[in-house]
Protein backbone atom coordinates (compact mmCIF):
# COMPACT_ATOMS: atom_id res chain seq x y z
CA UNK A 1 0.00 0.00 0.00
CA UNK A 2 1.45 3.33 -1.03
CA UNK A 3 0.75 6.52 0.93
CA UNK A 4 -1.35 9.10 -0.88
CA UNK A 5 0.51 11.91 -2.58
CA UNK A 6 -1.94 14.79 -2.11
CA UNK A 7 -1.01 17.82 -0.01
CA UNK A 8 1.31 17.94 2.96
CA UNK A 9 1.03 16.28 6.36
CA UNK A 10 -1.05 18.52 8.62
CA UNK A 11 -0.98 16.41 11.82
CA UNK A 12 1.13 13.63 13.30
CA UNK A 13 -0.27 11.19 15.86
CA UNK A 14 2.22 9.29 17.98
CA UNK A 15 2.07 5.92 19.64
CA UNK A 16 -1.42 4.95 20.73
CA UNK A 17 -0.29 2.53 23.43
CA UNK A 18 2.45 4.79 24.81
CA UNK A 19 5.39 2.42 24.50
CA UNK A 20 7.50 4.55 22.16
CA UNK A 21 8.62 6.99 24.85
CA UNK A 22 9.82 6.03 28.34
CA UNK A 23 7.22 7.23 30.79
CA UNK A 24 8.51 5.88 34.08
CA UNK A 25 7.27 7.11 37.44
CA UNK A 26 4.26 9.35 38.00
CA UNK A 27 3.86 10.27 34.35
CA UNK A 28 3.41 6.59 33.46
CA UNK A 29 0.54 6.30 35.94
CA UNK A 30 -1.09 9.43 34.52
CA UNK A 31 -0.76 8.15 30.96
CA UNK A 32 -2.22 4.76 31.92
CA UNK A 33 -5.24 6.59 33.37
CA UNK A 34 -5.64 8.61 30.17
CA UNK A 35 -5.33 5.45 28.05
CA UNK A 36 -7.94 3.68 30.20
CA UNK A 37 -10.30 6.65 29.89
CA UNK A 38 -9.88 6.85 26.11
CA UNK A 39 -10.49 3.13 25.63
CA UNK A 40 -13.52 3.18 27.95
CA UNK A 41 -14.95 6.22 26.11
CA UNK A 42 -14.17 5.23 22.52
CA UNK A 43 -13.85 1.45 22.67
CA UNK A 44 -10.92 0.88 20.32
CA UNK A 45 -7.94 2.46 18.61
CA UNK A 46 -9.84 3.21 15.40
CA UNK A 47 -12.44 5.27 17.27
CA UNK A 48 -9.73 7.13 19.18
CA UNK A 49 -7.97 8.00 15.92
CA UNK A 50 -11.19 9.25 14.33
CA UNK A 51 -11.88 11.42 17.38
CA UNK A 52 -8.34 12.86 17.30
CA UNK A 53 -8.81 13.89 13.66
CA UNK A 54 -12.14 15.54 14.50
CA UNK A 55 -10.64 17.45 17.44
CA UNK A 56 -7.67 18.58 15.33
CA UNK A 57 -9.95 19.52 12.44
CA UNK A 58 -8.00 17.49 9.90
CA UNK A 59 -8.89 14.75 7.47
CA UNK A 60 -7.19 11.38 8.04
CA UNK A 61 -5.58 11.50 4.59
CA UNK A 62 -3.56 14.53 5.71
CA UNK A 63 -2.21 12.80 8.84
CA UNK A 64 0.74 10.60 9.70
CA UNK A 65 0.75 7.91 12.40
CA UNK A 66 4.08 7.15 14.07
CA UNK A 67 4.43 4.23 16.44
CA UNK A 68 6.22 1.09 17.49
CA UNK A 69 3.29 -1.35 17.47
CA UNK A 70 2.14 -2.84 14.19
CA UNK A 71 -1.12 -4.06 15.75
CA UNK A 72 -2.29 -0.78 17.30
CA UNK A 73 -0.34 2.22 16.01
CA UNK A 74 0.36 1.23 12.41
CA UNK A 75 -2.80 -0.78 11.72
CA UNK A 76 -4.85 2.03 13.30
CA UNK A 77 -3.29 4.60 10.97
CA UNK A 78 -3.84 2.38 7.95
CA UNK A 79 -7.45 1.64 8.94
CA UNK A 80 -8.10 5.38 9.30
CA UNK A 81 -6.73 6.10 5.82
CA UNK A 82 -3.76 8.14 6.99
CA UNK A 83 -1.35 9.55 4.42
CA UNK A 84 1.43 7.52 6.03
CA UNK A 85 2.01 5.04 8.83
CA UNK A 86 5.60 5.02 10.11
CA UNK A 87 6.86 2.09 12.15
CA UNK A 88 9.76 2.70 14.52
CA UNK A 89 11.67 -0.58 14.51
CA UNK A 90 15.11 -1.98 13.94
CA UNK A 91 13.65 -5.20 12.50
CA UNK A 92 12.09 -5.93 9.14
CA UNK A 93 8.41 -6.59 8.52
CA UNK A 94 7.57 -10.22 7.84
CA UNK A 95 5.17 -11.27 5.10
CA UNK A 96 2.31 -12.04 7.49
CA UNK A 97 2.29 -8.75 9.43
CA UNK A 98 0.76 -5.33 8.92
CA UNK A 99 2.74 -3.41 6.33
CA UNK A 100 3.65 0.14 7.29
CA UNK A 101 4.24 2.76 4.60
CA UNK A 102 7.68 3.44 6.07
CA UNK A 103 9.99 1.81 8.62
CA UNK A 104 12.71 3.78 10.40
CA UNK A 105 15.01 2.80 13.30
CA UNK A 106 14.40 5.92 15.43
CA UNK A 107 11.79 8.64 15.96
CA UNK A 108 14.21 11.34 14.81
CA UNK A 109 14.27 9.70 11.37
CA UNK A 110 10.64 10.70 10.83
CA UNK A 111 11.80 14.18 9.79
CA UNK A 112 13.53 12.66 6.76
CA UNK A 113 10.25 11.06 5.68
CA UNK A 114 8.38 14.34 6.17
CA UNK A 115 10.94 16.24 4.12
CA UNK A 116 10.63 13.72 1.28
CA UNK A 117 6.82 13.75 1.38
CA UNK A 118 6.23 17.50 1.48
């Protein structure tokens, strides 16, 4: 699946399950509470993504999802019709997994993708 080529990225959503960034200590507890609230309110990752786009006032096709989980972050971005889904991983995608639009080894590499897309 190729990302769409229309317009630039207007919003970037990061890591639905909050495993991309170390959130040890009190902040981890706060984030777990937020995650629990979101899942209880919206039910699943797809609904959360749709709500985020509505709140931001952007269409999914102008958004990028960045995350480290193929099952939640990347599949959620693909299901929503995002312009791009970027997987942060040092390993390759196997044939039977979700296929991200891009794979990079570190979050800082996302800027290279943005520069090439816009």
